[in-house]
N, C-alpha and C. Protein backbone atom coordinates (compact mmCIF):
# COMPACT_ATOMS: atom_id res chain seq x y z
N MET A 1 67.43 134.04 104.81
CA MET A 1 67.75 133.21 105.62
C MET A 1 66.02 132.11 106.21
N ILE A 2 65.47 131.77 105.88
CA ILE A 2 63.90 131.58 106.27
C ILE A 2 63.56 131.74 107.80
N ALA A 3 64.53 131.36 108.75
CA ALA A 3 64.13 131.09 110.06
C ALA A 3 64.71 132.14 110.38
N ASP A 4 65.22 133.30 110.13
CA ASP A 4 64.42 135.14 110.66
C ASP A 4 63.92 135.44 110.35
N ASN A 5 62.77 135.44 110.16
CA ASN A 5 61.57 135.92 109.82
C ASN A 5 60.05 134.37 109.33
N VAL A 6 59.76 134.12 110.94
CA VAL A 6 59.24 132.56 111.09
C VAL A 6 58.19 133.70 111.71
N GLU A 7 57.34 133.18 110.98
CA GLU A 7 55.34 133.74 111.05
C GLU A 7 54.65 133.19 111.84
N GLN A 8 53.56 133.22 112.58
CA GLN A 8 52.46 132.42 112.74
C GLN A 8 51.73 132.47 111.71
N GLY A 9 51.36 130.92 111.53
CA GLY A 9 50.58 130.29 110.44
C GLY A 9 51.18 130.27 108.94
N GLU A 10 52.47 130.43 109.58
CA GLU A 10 53.33 129.65 108.39
C GLU A 10 53.44 127.59 108.52
N VAL A 11 52.60 127.33 107.62
CA VAL A 11 53.04 125.69 107.51
C VAL A 11 55.07 125.51 106.65
N LEU A 12 56.04 125.80 107.63
CA LEU A 12 57.55 125.17 107.53
C LEU A 12 57.91 123.34 107.00
N LEU A 13 58.89 123.14 106.80
CA LEU A 13 60.02 121.56 107.18
C LEU A 13 60.86 121.84 107.76
N LEU A 14 60.40 120.94 108.93
CA LEU A 14 61.26 121.51 109.72
C LEU A 14 62.14 119.64 110.44
N ARG A 15 63.01 119.30 111.06
CA ARG A 15 63.25 118.37 111.52
C ARG A 15 62.76 118.84 113.04
N PHE A 16 62.06 117.90 113.06
CA PHE A 16 61.09 118.27 114.35
C PHE A 16 61.49 117.01 115.18
N LEU A 17 61.79 116.93 116.41
CA LEU A 17 62.82 116.38 117.63
C LEU A 17 60.95 115.41 118.09
N TYR A 18 62.06 113.97 118.57
CA TYR A 18 60.79 113.26 119.24
C TYR A 18 61.61 113.54 121.14
N SER A 19 60.67 113.04 121.20
CA SER A 19 60.58 113.63 122.64
C SER A 19 61.43 112.79 123.38
N ASN A 20 62.33 111.68 123.08
CA ASN A 20 63.37 111.45 123.77
C ASN A 20 64.97 113.03 123.25
N MET A 21 64.21 113.51 122.31
CA MET A 21 65.18 115.23 122.08
C MET A 21 66.67 114.22 121.13
N VAL A 22 66.50 112.58 121.09
CA VAL A 22 67.54 113.12 119.96
C VAL A 22 67.90 112.29 118.81
N ASP A 23 66.11 111.65 118.72
CA ASP A 23 65.70 111.56 117.18
C ASP A 23 64.88 112.35 116.86
N TYR A 24 64.67 112.94 115.46
CA TYR A 24 64.34 113.92 114.54
C TYR A 24 63.05 112.88 113.43
N LYS A 25 62.63 113.93 112.75
CA LYS A 25 61.49 113.17 111.68
C LYS A 25 61.58 114.53 111.17
N ILE A 26 61.53 114.57 109.57
CA ILE A 26 61.03 115.96 109.09
C ILE A 26 59.92 116.14 108.66
N ARG A 27 59.54 116.84 109.12
CA ARG A 27 58.06 117.02 108.64
C ARG A 27 57.69 118.57 108.68
N PRO A 28 55.92 118.22 108.28
CA PRO A 28 55.33 119.46 108.00
C PRO A 28 55.31 120.51 109.29
N ALA A 29 55.47 121.38 109.68
CA ALA A 29 54.20 121.56 110.71
C ALA A 29 54.68 123.12 111.10
N LEU A 30 52.94 123.25 111.70
CA LEU A 30 52.37 125.23 111.83
C LEU A 30 53.44 125.87 112.74
N VAL A 31 53.72 127.06 112.55
CA VAL A 31 54.25 127.71 113.57
C VAL A 31 53.50 128.18 115.32
N ILE A 32 52.43 128.17 115.55
CA ILE A 32 51.86 128.44 116.88
C ILE A 32 51.90 129.44 116.70
N SER A 33 53.24 130.00 117.85
CA SER A 33 54.18 130.71 118.93
C SER A 33 54.23 132.52 117.66
N ASN A 34 53.47 134.34 118.50
CA ASN A 34 53.01 135.02 117.56
C ASN A 34 54.34 136.04 117.20
N ASN A 35 54.02 136.56 116.32
CA ASN A 35 55.12 137.38 115.76
C ASN A 35 55.58 138.21 116.61
N GLY A 36 54.75 138.48 117.50
CA GLY A 36 56.72 139.15 117.58
C GLY A 36 57.09 138.03 119.88
N PHE A 37 56.69 137.33 119.55
CA PHE A 37 57.42 136.07 120.34
C PHE A 37 58.57 134.65 119.73
N ASN A 38 58.10 135.15 117.88
CA ASN A 38 58.96 134.30 117.13
C ASN A 38 60.48 136.03 116.70
N LYS A 39 59.89 136.62 117.18
CA LYS A 39 61.53 137.95 117.30
C LYS A 39 62.38 137.77 117.89
N MET A 40 62.23 137.19 118.92
CA MET A 40 63.01 137.39 120.07
C MET A 40 63.35 135.91 120.64
N HIS A 41 62.60 134.72 120.38
CA HIS A 41 62.46 133.41 120.37
C HIS A 41 62.86 133.42 119.71
N ASP A 42 62.91 131.61 120.11
CA ASP A 42 62.50 129.96 119.04
C ASP A 42 61.16 129.60 119.28
N ALA A 43 61.35 129.43 117.49
CA ALA A 43 58.93 129.29 117.45
C ALA A 43 58.53 128.40 118.00
N TRP A 44 57.57 128.19 118.43
CA TRP A 44 56.84 127.59 118.89
C TRP A 44 56.21 126.82 118.21
N PHE A 45 56.06 124.90 117.69
CA PHE A 45 55.53 124.51 116.47
C PHE A 45 54.69 123.75 116.97
N CYS A 46 53.12 123.49 115.85
CA CYS A 46 52.23 122.24 116.22
C CYS A 46 52.26 121.54 114.89
N PRO A 47 52.99 119.83 114.81
CA PRO A 47 53.03 119.11 113.93
C PRO A 47 52.72 119.08 113.18
N ILE A 48 52.83 118.64 111.66
CA ILE A 48 51.44 117.80 110.97
C ILE A 48 51.42 117.29 110.26
N THR A 49 50.81 116.15 110.33
CA THR A 49 50.75 114.48 110.41
C THR A 49 49.79 114.64 109.13
N SER A 50 49.93 113.55 108.14
CA SER A 50 49.19 112.97 107.61
C SER A 50 47.67 111.59 108.17
N LYS A 51 47.82 111.39 108.45
CA LYS A 51 47.34 110.48 109.95
C LYS A 51 46.29 111.20 111.17
N LYS A 52 45.44 110.51 110.73
CA LYS A 52 43.83 111.97 112.29
C LYS A 52 44.36 111.42 113.08
N VAL A 53 44.53 111.21 114.36
CA VAL A 53 44.49 111.09 115.71
C VAL A 53 43.33 112.02 116.73
N PRO A 54 43.66 111.19 117.30
CA PRO A 54 42.48 111.94 118.03
C PRO A 54 43.34 113.74 118.50
N GLN A 55 42.02 115.09 118.96
CA GLN A 55 42.29 115.61 119.06
C GLN A 55 43.19 116.50 117.61
N SER A 56 43.07 116.39 116.37
CA SER A 56 43.58 116.45 115.16
C SER A 56 42.71 117.15 114.11
N ILE A 57 43.64 118.50 114.00
CA ILE A 57 42.42 119.68 112.82
C ILE A 57 43.12 119.45 111.91
N PRO A 58 41.88 119.35 110.54
CA PRO A 58 42.00 118.63 109.21
C PRO A 58 42.96 120.32 108.05
N ILE A 59 44.14 120.59 107.37
CA ILE A 59 44.29 121.91 107.39
C ILE A 59 44.62 121.56 105.80
N ALA A 60 44.27 120.28 104.83
CA ALA A 60 45.26 121.06 103.44
C ALA A 60 44.15 121.81 102.93
N SER A 61 42.99 121.33 102.79
CA SER A 61 42.82 122.70 102.73
C SER A 61 42.30 124.61 101.81
N SER A 62 43.07 124.39 104.07
CA SER A 62 43.07 125.70 104.03
C SER A 62 44.03 126.28 104.20
N LEU A 63 45.06 126.03 103.60
CA LEU A 63 46.57 126.50 103.40
C LEU A 63 46.16 127.96 102.15
N ALA A 64 46.50 129.19 102.42
CA ALA A 64 45.84 130.55 102.16
C ALA A 64 47.10 130.44 100.54
N GLU A 65 48.56 129.87 101.44
CA GLU A 65 48.99 130.56 99.88
C GLU A 65 50.25 128.29 100.14
N GLY A 66 50.66 128.04 99.35
CA GLY A 66 51.23 126.78 98.73
C GLY A 66 50.69 125.71 99.19
N LYS A 67 50.56 124.20 99.45
CA LYS A 67 50.74 122.80 99.59
C LYS A 67 50.68 121.88 99.88
N LEU A 68 50.12 121.47 99.77
CA LEU A 68 50.79 120.30 100.65
C LEU A 68 50.17 118.45 100.21
N GLU A 69 50.89 117.90 99.86
CA GLU A 69 50.66 116.75 98.94
C GLU A 69 50.20 116.29 99.00
N ARG A 70 49.72 116.28 100.33
CA ARG A 70 48.60 114.39 101.58
C ARG A 70 46.95 115.47 101.74
N GLU A 71 46.87 114.91 102.42
CA GLU A 71 45.63 115.45 102.77
C GLU A 71 46.05 114.97 104.86
N SER A 72 46.29 116.57 105.49
CA SER A 72 47.08 116.62 106.12
C SER A 72 46.03 117.30 107.31
N PHE A 73 46.22 117.40 108.82
CA PHE A 73 46.44 117.20 110.15
C PHE A 73 47.34 118.09 111.17
N ALA A 74 46.71 118.85 111.83
CA ALA A 74 47.10 119.70 112.59
C ALA A 74 47.14 118.56 113.57
N ASN A 75 48.77 118.16 114.02
CA ASN A 75 48.14 116.99 116.15
C ASN A 75 48.26 118.52 116.82
N THR A 76 46.64 118.39 118.32
CA THR A 76 46.70 119.86 118.47
C THR A 76 47.13 119.53 119.61
N SER A 77 47.43 117.39 120.22
CA SER A 77 48.38 117.62 121.51
C SER A 77 49.67 116.80 121.35
N HIS A 78 50.80 118.10 120.78
CA HIS A 78 51.78 117.91 121.24
C HIS A 78 52.52 119.07 120.20
N ILE A 79 52.55 119.89 120.93
CA ILE A 79 53.25 120.96 120.41
C ILE A 79 54.73 121.60 120.65
N ALA A 80 55.86 121.82 120.29
CA ALA A 80 57.32 121.39 120.21
C ALA A 80 57.76 122.57 120.48
N THR A 81 58.80 123.45 121.30
CA THR A 81 59.99 125.14 120.97
C THR A 81 61.45 124.12 119.68
N VAL A 82 60.72 124.49 118.39
CA VAL A 82 62.88 124.40 117.56
C VAL A 82 63.30 125.41 117.17
N GLU A 83 64.66 124.69 116.99
CA GLU A 83 65.50 126.24 116.90
C GLU A 83 65.78 125.93 116.30
N ARG A 84 65.57 128.10 115.40
CA ARG A 84 65.72 128.59 114.00
C ARG A 84 67.20 127.17 112.94
N ASP A 85 67.59 126.41 114.15
CA ASP A 85 68.32 126.02 112.82
C ASP A 85 67.47 124.64 112.28
N LEU A 86 66.85 123.99 112.45
CA LEU A 86 66.01 123.55 112.08
C LEU A 86 65.57 123.47 111.24
N ILE A 87 64.96 124.35 110.64
CA ILE A 87 64.16 124.35 109.52
C ILE A 87 64.64 124.62 108.20
N LEU A 88 64.00 123.51 108.02
CA LEU A 88 64.60 123.30 105.99
C LEU A 88 64.55 124.41 105.16
N LYS A 89 62.57 124.76 105.40
CA LYS A 89 62.52 125.68 103.64
C LYS A 89 61.37 125.93 103.62
N ARG A 90 60.30 126.52 104.39
CA ARG A 90 58.75 126.93 103.71
C ARG A 90 57.56 126.18 102.79
N ILE A 91 56.94 126.67 103.62
CA ILE A 91 55.92 125.26 102.56
C ILE A 91 54.55 125.77 102.52
N GLY A 92 54.20 126.59 102.86
CA GLY A 92 53.20 127.95 102.38
C GLY A 92 52.17 128.89 103.68
N LYS A 93 51.32 129.07 104.11
CA LYS A 93 51.09 129.73 105.23
C LYS A 93 49.19 129.41 105.73
N LEU A 94 48.72 128.92 106.47
CA LEU A 94 48.13 128.80 106.57
C LEU A 94 46.98 129.86 106.50
N SER A 95 45.32 129.80 106.55
CA SER A 95 43.80 131.00 106.41
C SER A 95 44.53 131.49 108.01
N LYS A 96 43.82 132.72 108.44
CA LYS A 96 43.83 133.15 109.50
C LYS A 96 42.73 132.45 110.48
N GLU A 97 42.12 132.22 110.35
CA GLU A 97 41.05 131.80 110.92
C GLU A 97 41.17 129.86 111.58
N LYS A 98 41.98 129.49 110.32
CA LYS A 98 42.55 127.58 110.52
C LYS A 98 43.51 128.39 112.03
N THR A 99 44.33 129.03 111.88
CA THR A 99 45.50 129.06 112.71
C THR A 99 45.17 129.27 113.81
N ARG A 100 43.53 130.21 114.19
CA ARG A 100 43.26 130.06 115.61
C ARG A 100 42.24 129.71 115.94
N GLU A 101 41.76 128.67 114.89
CA GLU A 101 40.76 127.42 115.35
C GLU A 101 41.65 126.48 116.28
N ILE A 102 43.07 125.88 115.49
CA ILE A 102 44.26 125.36 115.54
C ILE A 102 45.13 125.88 117.07
N ILE A 103 44.82 126.79 116.75
CA ILE A 103 45.29 127.27 118.50
C ILE A 103 44.58 126.46 119.82
N ALA A 104 43.35 127.72 119.44
CA ALA A 104 41.99 126.74 120.30
C ALA A 104 41.97 125.91 120.49
N GLY A 105 42.37 124.65 119.65
CA GLY A 105 41.76 123.18 120.18
C GLY A 105 43.45 123.02 120.78
N ILE A 106 44.38 123.22 120.79
CA ILE A 106 45.97 123.55 121.16
C ILE A 106 45.23 124.24 123.54
N MET A 107 44.70 125.68 123.05
CA MET A 107 44.46 125.23 124.01
C MET A 107 43.07 125.08 125.10
N GLN A 108 42.96 124.26 124.82
CA GLN A 108 41.70 123.27 125.30
C GLN A 108 41.88 121.83 125.44
N ASN A 109 43.23 121.63 125.37
CA ASN A 109 44.21 120.14 125.87
C ASN A 109 44.55 121.17 127.38
N MET A 110 44.60 122.18 127.60
CA MET A 110 45.32 122.48 128.74
C MET A 110 44.11 123.16 129.32
N GLU A 111 43.24 122.96 129.51
CA GLU A 111 41.81 123.53 130.49
C GLU A 111 42.12 121.99 131.53
């Protein structure tokens, strides 16, 4: 089962809840929490969108494995904890450099 082994930098397809915690959209998302954390807790995700928004980082050409169908952006202004049951499938994995860049972008939003 994909949800048993979630790793930082993976791009997964999941049911990403809206802020009302009721409705959701099926979308790709990037695992941003580290592997040790992921073994004990539900992972933290950054949504991936085809729309360029403020604080977004392009990622499509940075996949080390797999592919995305469209030009895609990590939306660093939004992160969420997602239960393992909401993970549908593995799409690929980003390069370590791009994963670090996205995490740094998220951290800038916290300053």
